[in-house]
Amino acid sequence: MHIHIATIGERTEAVLNGLKLIPGIEKVYLLYSSKYKQSAVTVQEYLLKGDTPCYLKAVDEYDFQSTSNMILKIVEDER
């Protein structure tokens, strides 16, 4: 299964353009801070229209360990 994990900020174009260039993505996880939840929701809505499952995961934008732990948890859960 091809799963993509991305961080999302204020501007969604980079993530959307990147996802469009990667063929065969079957599932997407978007990591966002509370400040950028609306950006994450916008990308999620776009992906769901194309039948790509997309899950939002909140992380603390100033805590690298929190982000790393979330990525590890996603990887473990997907095994």
PDB file of N, CA and C in Angstrom:
ATOM      1  N   MET A   1       0.846  -1.176   0.000  1.00  0.00           N
ATOM      2  CA  MET A   1       0.000   0.000   0.000  1.00  0.00           C
ATOM      3  C   MET A   1       0.888   1.235   0.000  1.00  0.00           C
ATOM      4  N   HIS A   2       0.544   2.215  -0.809  1.00  0.00           N
ATOM      5  CA  HIS A   2       1.302   3.453  -0.902  1.00  0.00           C
ATOM      6  C   HIS A   2       0.613   4.509  -0.034  1.00  0.00           C
ATOM      7  N   ILE A   3       1.254   4.821   1.094  1.00  0.00           N
ATOM      8  CA  ILE A   3       0.725   5.791   2.049  1.00  0.00           C
ATOM      9  C   ILE A   3       1.644   7.005   2.055  1.00  0.00           C
ATOM     10  N   HIS A   4       1.047   8.180   2.068  1.00  0.00           N
ATOM     11  CA  HIS A   4       1.823   9.405   2.077  1.00  0.00           C
ATOM     12  C   HIS A   4       1.515  10.165   3.362  1.00  0.00           C
ATOM     13  N   ILE A   5       2.565  10.649   4.038  1.00  0.00           N
ATOM     14  CA  ILE A   5       2.427  11.461   5.247  1.00  0.00           C
ATOM     15  C   ILE A   5       3.007  12.831   4.930  1.00  0.00           C
ATOM     16  N   ALA A   6       2.231  13.880   5.182  1.00  0.00           N
ATOM     17  CA  ALA A   6       2.692  15.240   4.874  1.00  0.00           C
ATOM     18  C   ALA A   6       2.329  16.187   6.006  1.00  0.00           C
ATOM     19  N   THR A   7       3.163  17.182   6.181  1.00  0.00           N
ATOM     20  CA  THR A   7       2.813  18.270   7.093  1.00  0.00           C
ATOM     21  C   THR A   7       2.119  19.343   6.263  1.00  0.00           C
ATOM     22  N   ILE A   8       1.222  20.069   6.894  1.00  0.00           N
ATOM     23  CA  ILE A   8       0.469  21.099   6.183  1.00  0.00           C
ATOM     24  C   ILE A   8       0.560  22.392   6.969  1.00  0.00           C
ATOM     25  N   GLY A   9       0.716  23.476   6.236  1.00  0.00           N
ATOM     26  CA  GLY A   9       0.780  24.805   6.844  1.00  0.00           C
ATOM     27  C   GLY A   9      -0.297  25.691   6.257  1.00  0.00           C
ATOM     28  N   GLU A  10      -0.028  26.958   6.256  1.00  0.00           N
ATOM     29  CA  GLU A  10      -1.021  27.924   5.769  1.00  0.00           C
ATOM     30  C   GLU A  10      -1.327  27.741   4.283  1.00  0.00           C
ATOM     31  N   ARG A  11      -0.296  27.527   3.490  1.00  0.00           N
ATOM     32  CA  ARG A  11      -0.466  27.396   2.039  1.00  0.00           C
ATOM     33  C   ARG A  11      -0.567  25.921   1.665  1.00  0.00           C
ATOM     34  N   THR A  12      -1.587  25.581   0.920  1.00  0.00           N
ATOM     35  CA  THR A  12      -1.850  24.184   0.574  1.00  0.00           C
ATOM     36  C   THR A  12      -1.284  23.775  -0.779  1.00  0.00           C
ATOM     37  N   GLU A  13      -0.860  24.741  -1.584  1.00  0.00           N
ATOM     38  CA  GLU A  13      -0.449  24.453  -2.957  1.00  0.00           C
ATOM     39  C   GLU A  13       0.687  23.443  -3.051  1.00  0.00           C
ATOM     40  N   ALA A  14       1.684  23.568  -2.207  1.00  0.00           N
ATOM     41  CA  ALA A  14       2.841  22.663  -2.277  1.00  0.00           C
ATOM     42  C   ALA A  14       2.429  21.214  -2.018  1.00  0.00           C
ATOM     43  N   VAL A  15       1.591  21.006  -1.029  1.00  0.00           N
ATOM     44  CA  VAL A  15       1.150  19.652  -0.719  1.00  0.00           C
ATOM     45  C   VAL A  15       0.272  19.114  -1.844  1.00  0.00           C
ATOM     46  N   LEU A  16      -0.674  19.910  -2.315  1.00  0.00           N
ATOM     47  CA  LEU A  16      -1.559  19.459  -3.392  1.00  0.00           C
ATOM     48  C   LEU A  16      -0.776  19.158  -4.665  1.00  0.00           C
ATOM     49  N   ASN A  17       0.147  20.031  -5.025  1.00  0.00           N
ATOM     50  CA  ASN A  17       0.953  19.796  -6.228  1.00  0.00           C
ATOM     51  C   ASN A  17       1.809  18.550  -6.076  1.00  0.00           C
ATOM     52  N   GLY A  18       2.378  18.352  -4.909  1.00  0.00           N
ATOM     53  CA  GLY A  18       3.190  17.166  -4.669  1.00  0.00           C
ATOM     54  C   GLY A  18       2.378  15.897  -4.757  1.00  0.00           C
ATOM     55  N   LEU A  19       1.185  15.910  -4.191  1.00  0.00           N
ATOM     56  CA  LEU A  19       0.330  14.725  -4.228  1.00  0.00           C
ATOM     57  C   LEU A  19      -0.121  14.404  -5.649  1.00  0.00           C
ATOM     58  N   LYS A  20      -0.327  15.434  -6.449  1.00  0.00           N
ATOM     59  CA  LYS A  20      -0.729  15.222  -7.841  1.00  0.00           C
ATOM     60  C   LYS A  20       0.379  14.563  -8.652  1.00  0.00           C
ATOM     61  N   LEU A  21       1.628  14.781  -8.251  1.00  0.00           N
ATOM     62  CA  LEU A  21       2.768  14.249  -8.996  1.00  0.00           C
ATOM     63  C   LEU A  21       3.157  12.825  -8.601  1.00  0.00           C
ATOM     64  N   ILE A  22       2.620  12.343  -7.500  1.00  0.00           N
ATOM     65  CA  ILE A  22       2.979  11.011  -7.016  1.00  0.00           C
ATOM     66  C   ILE A  22       1.868  10.035  -7.396  1.00  0.00           C
ATOM     67  N   PRO A  23       2.150   9.115  -8.315  1.00  0.00           N
ATOM     68  CA  PRO A  23       1.104   8.180  -8.733  1.00  0.00           C
ATOM     69  C   PRO A  23       0.868   7.076  -7.693  1.00  0.00           C
ATOM     70  N   GLY A  24      -0.364   6.613  -7.622  1.00  0.00           N
ATOM     71  CA  GLY A  24      -0.681   5.440  -6.815  1.00  0.00           C
ATOM     72  C   GLY A  24      -0.839   5.653  -5.328  1.00  0.00           C
ATOM     73  N   ILE A  25      -1.030   6.879  -4.893  1.00  0.00           N
ATOM     74  CA  ILE A  25      -1.244   7.104  -3.456  1.00  0.00           C
ATOM     75  C   ILE A  25      -2.594   6.522  -3.073  1.00  0.00           C
ATOM     76  N   GLU A  26      -2.587   5.656  -2.066  1.00  0.00           N
ATOM     77  CA  GLU A  26      -3.821   4.996  -1.639  1.00  0.00           C
ATOM     78  C   GLU A  26      -4.398   5.586  -0.356  1.00  0.00           C
ATOM     79  N   LYS A  27      -3.568   6.308   0.389  1.00  0.00           N
ATOM     80  CA  LYS A  27      -4.018   6.882   1.659  1.00  0.00           C
ATOM     81  C   LYS A  27      -3.078   8.021   2.030  1.00  0.00           C
ATOM     82  N   VAL A  28      -3.640   9.072   2.629  1.00  0.00           N
ATOM     83  CA  VAL A  28      -2.845  10.238   3.026  1.00  0.00           C
ATOM     84  C   VAL A  28      -3.124  10.569   4.488  1.00  0.00           C
ATOM     85  N   TYR A  29      -2.054  10.866   5.207  1.00  0.00           N
ATOM     86  CA  TYR A  29      -2.149  11.411   6.558  1.00  0.00           C
ATOM     87  C   TYR A  29      -1.593  12.823   6.519  1.00  0.00           C
ATOM     88  N   LEU A  30      -2.360  13.785   7.003  1.00  0.00           N
ATOM     89  CA  LEU A  30      -1.906  15.172   7.072  1.00  0.00           C
ATOM     90  C   LEU A  30      -1.667  15.541   8.528  1.00  0.00           C
ATOM     91  N   LEU A  31      -0.453  15.961   8.826  1.00  0.00           N
ATOM     92  CA  LEU A  31      -0.097  16.413  10.170  1.00  0.00           C
ATOM     93  C   LEU A  31      -0.229  17.933  10.191  1.00  0.00           C
ATOM     94  N   TYR A  32      -0.975  18.442  11.136  1.00  0.00           N
ATOM     95  CA  TYR A  32      -1.232  19.884  11.184  1.00  0.00           C
ATOM     96  C   TYR A  32      -1.177  20.383  12.619  1.00  0.00           C
ATOM     97  N   SER A  33      -0.880  21.659  12.762  1.00  0.00           N
ATOM     98  CA  SER A  33      -0.990  22.291  14.081  1.00  0.00           C
ATOM     99  C   SER A  33      -2.360  22.970  14.128  1.00  0.00           C
ATOM    100  N   SER A  34      -2.816  23.271  15.315  1.00  0.00           N
ATOM    101  CA  SER A  34      -4.161  23.847  15.467  1.00  0.00           C
ATOM    102  C   SER A  34      -4.328  25.127  14.649  1.00  0.00           C
ATOM    103  N   LYS A  35      -3.239  25.836  14.462  1.00  0.00           N
ATOM    104  CA  LYS A  35      -3.266  27.083  13.708  1.00  0.00           C
ATOM    105  C   LYS A  35      -3.629  26.866  12.239  1.00  0.00           C
ATOM    106  N   TYR A  36      -3.334  25.678  11.709  1.00  0.00           N
ATOM    107  CA  TYR A  36      -3.544  25.408  10.285  1.00  0.00           C
ATOM    108  C   TYR A  36      -4.549  24.289  10.031  1.00  0.00           C
ATOM    109  N   LYS A  37      -5.463  24.096  10.943  1.00  0.00           N
ATOM    110  CA  LYS A  37      -6.455  23.037  10.756  1.00  0.00           C
ATOM    111  C   LYS A  37      -7.299  23.272   9.507  1.00  0.00           C
ATOM    112  N   GLN A  38      -7.667  24.513   9.229  1.00  0.00           N
ATOM    113  CA  GLN A  38      -8.502  24.783   8.059  1.00  0.00           C
ATOM    114  C   GLN A  38      -7.790  24.396   6.764  1.00  0.00           C
ATOM    115  N   SER A  39      -6.486  24.624   6.693  1.00  0.00           N
ATOM    116  CA  SER A  39      -5.725  24.198   5.519  1.00  0.00           C
ATOM    117  C   SER A  39      -5.781  22.683   5.369  1.00  0.00           C
ATOM    118  N   ALA A  40      -5.654  21.967   6.467  1.00  0.00           N
ATOM    119  CA  ALA A  40      -5.711  20.508   6.439  1.00  0.00           C
ATOM    120  C   ALA A  40      -7.088  20.031   5.983  1.00  0.00           C
ATOM    121  N   VAL A  41      -8.132  20.674   6.465  1.00  0.00           N
ATOM    122  CA  VAL A  41      -9.494  20.307   6.072  1.00  0.00           C
ATOM    123  C   VAL A  41      -9.703  20.556   4.581  1.00  0.00           C
ATOM    124  N   THR A  42      -9.171  21.654   4.069  1.00  0.00           N
ATOM    125  CA  THR A  42      -9.291  21.968   2.640  1.00  0.00           C
ATOM    126  C   THR A  42      -8.650  20.874   1.784  1.00  0.00           C
ATOM    127  N   VAL A  43      -7.446  20.447   2.148  1.00  0.00           N
ATOM    128  CA  VAL A  43      -6.756  19.388   1.396  1.00  0.00           C
ATOM    129  C   VAL A  43      -7.505  18.067   1.556  1.00  0.00           C
ATOM    130  N   GLN A  44      -7.981  17.779   2.761  1.00  0.00           N
ATOM    131  CA  GLN A  44      -8.732  16.551   2.993  1.00  0.00           C
ATOM    132  C   GLN A  44      -9.979  16.501   2.104  1.00  0.00           C
ATOM    133  N   GLU A  45     -10.719  17.592   2.033  1.00  0.00           N
ATOM    134  CA  GLU A  45     -11.924  17.634   1.195  1.00  0.00           C
ATOM    135  C   GLU A  45     -11.575  17.385  -0.273  1.00  0.00           C
ATOM    136  N   TYR A  46     -10.489  17.974  -0.736  1.00  0.00           N
ATOM    137  CA  TYR A  46     -10.048  17.770  -2.117  1.00  0.00           C
ATOM    138  C   TYR A  46      -9.744  16.290  -2.377  1.00  0.00           C
ATOM    139  N   LEU A  47      -9.013  15.669  -1.475  1.00  0.00           N
ATOM    140  CA  LEU A  47      -8.633  14.266  -1.649  1.00  0.00           C
ATOM    141  C   LEU A  47      -9.841  13.335  -1.570  1.00  0.00           C
ATOM    142  N   LEU A  48     -10.753  13.628  -0.668  1.00  0.00           N
ATOM    143  CA  LEU A  48     -11.932  12.775  -0.526  1.00  0.00           C
ATOM    144  C   LEU A  48     -12.817  12.835  -1.771  1.00  0.00           C
ATOM    145  N   LYS A  49     -12.837  13.981  -2.456  1.00  0.00           N
ATOM    146  CA  LYS A  49     -13.586  14.077  -3.713  1.00  0.00           C
ATOM    147  C   LYS A  49     -13.020  13.124  -4.758  1.00  0.00           C
ATOM    148  N   GLY A  50     -11.734  12.850  -4.686  1.00  0.00           N
ATOM    149  CA  GLY A  50     -11.086  11.920  -5.600  1.00  0.00           C
ATOM    150  C   GLY A  50     -10.983  10.517  -5.046  1.00  0.00           C
ATOM    151  N   ASP A  51     -11.746  10.223  -4.006  1.00  0.00           N
ATOM    152  CA  ASP A  51     -11.781   8.887  -3.383  1.00  0.00           C
ATOM    153  C   ASP A  51     -10.452   8.444  -2.782  1.00  0.00           C
ATOM    154  N   THR A  52      -9.636   9.392  -2.337  1.00  0.00           N
ATOM    155  CA  THR A  52      -8.403   9.063  -1.624  1.00  0.00           C
ATOM    156  C   THR A  52      -8.637   9.289  -0.138  1.00  0.00           C
ATOM    157  N   PRO A  53      -8.596   8.229   0.662  1.00  0.00           N
ATOM    158  CA  PRO A  53      -8.773   8.410   2.109  1.00  0.00           C
ATOM    159  C   PRO A  53      -7.708   9.355   2.675  1.00  0.00           C
ATOM    160  N   CYS A  54      -8.141  10.274   3.508  1.00  0.00           N
ATOM    161  CA  CYS A  54      -7.228  11.260   4.088  1.00  0.00           C
ATOM    162  C   CYS A  54      -7.588  11.438   5.564  1.00  0.00           C
ATOM    163  N   TYR A  55      -6.575  11.302   6.407  1.00  0.00           N
ATOM    164  CA  TYR A  55      -6.772  11.397   7.849  1.00  0.00           C
ATOM    165  C   TYR A  55      -5.970  12.562   8.403  1.00  0.00           C
ATOM    166  N   LEU A  56      -6.600  13.328   9.258  1.00  0.00           N
ATOM    167  CA  LEU A  56      -5.952  14.488   9.880  1.00  0.00           C
ATOM    168  C   LEU A  56      -5.428  14.108  11.254  1.00  0.00           C
ATOM    169  N   LYS A  57      -4.186  14.497  11.517  1.00  0.00           N
ATOM    170  CA  LYS A  57      -3.555  14.213  12.806  1.00  0.00           C
ATOM    171  C   LYS A  57      -2.953  15.512  13.347  1.00  0.00           C
ATOM    172  N   ALA A  58      -3.403  15.910  14.514  1.00  0.00           N
ATOM    173  CA  ALA A  58      -2.904  17.134  15.137  1.00  0.00           C
ATOM    174  C   ALA A  58      -1.553  16.882  15.804  1.00  0.00           C
ATOM    175  N   VAL A  59      -0.636  17.824  15.631  1.00  0.00           N
ATOM    176  CA  VAL A  59       0.667  17.779  16.295  1.00  0.00           C
ATOM    177  C   VAL A  59       0.985  19.174  16.832  1.00  0.00           C
ATOM    178  N   ASP A  60       1.892  19.223  17.780  1.00  0.00           N
ATOM    179  CA  ASP A  60       2.355  20.501  18.322  1.00  0.00           C
ATOM    180  C   ASP A  60       3.436  21.034  17.392  1.00  0.00           C
ATOM    181  N   GLU A  61       3.188  22.188  16.797  1.00  0.00           N
ATOM    182  CA  GLU A  61       4.116  22.713  15.793  1.00  0.00           C
ATOM    183  C   GLU A  61       5.503  23.041  16.343  1.00  0.00           C
ATOM    184  N   TYR A  62       5.630  23.181  17.630  1.00  0.00           N
ATOM    185  CA  TYR A  62       6.932  23.518  18.209  1.00  0.00           C
ATOM    186  C   TYR A  62       7.603  22.320  18.872  1.00  0.00           C
ATOM    187  N   ASP A  63       7.030  21.141  18.705  1.00  0.00           N
ATOM    188  CA  ASP A  63       7.551  19.961  19.373  1.00  0.00           C
ATOM    189  C   ASP A  63       7.914  18.904  18.336  1.00  0.00           C
ATOM    190  N   PHE A  64       9.180  18.867  17.947  1.00  0.00           N
ATOM    191  CA  PHE A  64       9.647  17.919  16.941  1.00  0.00           C
ATOM    192  C   PHE A  64       9.385  16.485  17.377  1.00  0.00           C
ATOM    193  N   GLN A  65       9.550  16.208  18.653  1.00  0.00           N
ATOM    194  CA  GLN A  65       9.338  14.852  19.163  1.00  0.00           C
ATOM    195  C   GLN A  65       7.885  14.424  18.987  1.00  0.00           C
ATOM    196  N   SER A  66       6.954  15.335  19.196  1.00  0.00           N
ATOM    197  CA  SER A  66       5.536  15.049  19.001  1.00  0.00           C
ATOM    198  C   SER A  66       5.260  14.652  17.553  1.00  0.00           C
ATOM    199  N   THR A  67       5.839  15.383  16.627  1.00  0.00           N
ATOM    200  CA  THR A  67       5.662  15.090  15.206  1.00  0.00           C
ATOM    201  C   THR A  67       6.296  13.748  14.858  1.00  0.00           C
ATOM    202  N   SER A  68       7.498  13.509  15.351  1.00  0.00           N
ATOM    203  CA  SER A  68       8.179  12.235  15.103  1.00  0.00           C
ATOM    204  C   SER A  68       7.383  11.060  15.677  1.00  0.00           C
ATOM    205  N   ASN A  69       6.863  11.229  16.877  1.00  0.00           N
ATOM    206  CA  ASN A  69       6.068  10.178  17.505  1.00  0.00           C
ATOM    207  C   ASN A  69       4.795   9.885  16.709  1.00  0.00           C
ATOM    208  N   MET A  70       4.176  10.926  16.182  1.00  0.00           N
ATOM    209  CA  MET A  70       2.964  10.732  15.387  1.00  0.00           C
ATOM    210  C   MET A  70       3.279   9.946  14.115  1.00  0.00           C
ATOM    211  N   ILE A  71       4.382  10.258  13.462  1.00  0.00           N
ATOM    212  CA  ILE A  71       4.785   9.531  12.258  1.00  0.00           C
ATOM    213  C   ILE A  71       5.040   8.063  12.589  1.00  0.00           C
ATOM    214  N   LEU A  72       5.756   7.811  13.675  1.00  0.00           N
ATOM    215  CA  LEU A  72       6.023   6.425  14.088  1.00  0.00           C
ATOM    216  C   LEU A  72       4.733   5.674  14.409  1.00  0.00           C
ATOM    217  N   LYS A  73       3.797   6.349  15.056  1.00  0.00           N
ATOM    218  CA  LYS A  73       2.514   5.717  15.381  1.00  0.00           C
ATOM    219  C   LYS A  73       1.754   5.361  14.107  1.00  0.00           C
ATOM    220  N   ILE A  74       1.749   6.260  13.134  1.00  0.00           N
ATOM    221  CA  ILE A  74       1.065   5.988  11.864  1.00  0.00           C
ATOM    222  C   ILE A  74       1.695   4.757  11.196  1.00  0.00           C
ATOM    223  N   VAL A  75       3.012   4.732  11.150  1.00  0.00           N
ATOM    224  CA  VAL A  75       3.721   3.604  10.527  1.00  0.00           C
ATOM    225  C   VAL A  75       3.382   2.305  11.241  1.00  0.00           C
ATOM    226  N   GLU A  76       3.413   2.306  12.554  1.00  0.00           N
ATOM    227  CA  GLU A  76       3.082   1.100  13.326  1.00  0.00           C
ATOM    228  C   GLU A  76       1.646   0.654  13.090  1.00  0.00           C
ATOM    229  N   ASP A  77       0.727   1.602  13.091  1.00  0.00           N
ATOM    230  CA  ASP A  77      -0.690   1.270  12.897  1.00  0.00           C
ATOM    231  C   ASP A  77      -0.958   0.723  11.497  1.00  0.00           C
ATOM    232  N   GLU A  78      -0.184   1.145  10.531  1.00  0.00           N
ATOM    233  CA  GLU A  78      -0.403   0.716   9.145  1.00  0.00           C
ATOM    234  C   GLU A  78       0.235  -0.633   8.828  1.00  0.00           C
ATOM    235  N   ARG A  79       1.071  -1.132   9.707  1.00  0.00           N
ATOM    236  CA  ARG A  79       1.715  -2.440   9.464  1.00  0.00           C
ATOM    237  C   ARG A  79       0.745  -3.535   9.600  1.00  0.00           C
TER     238      ARG A  79
END
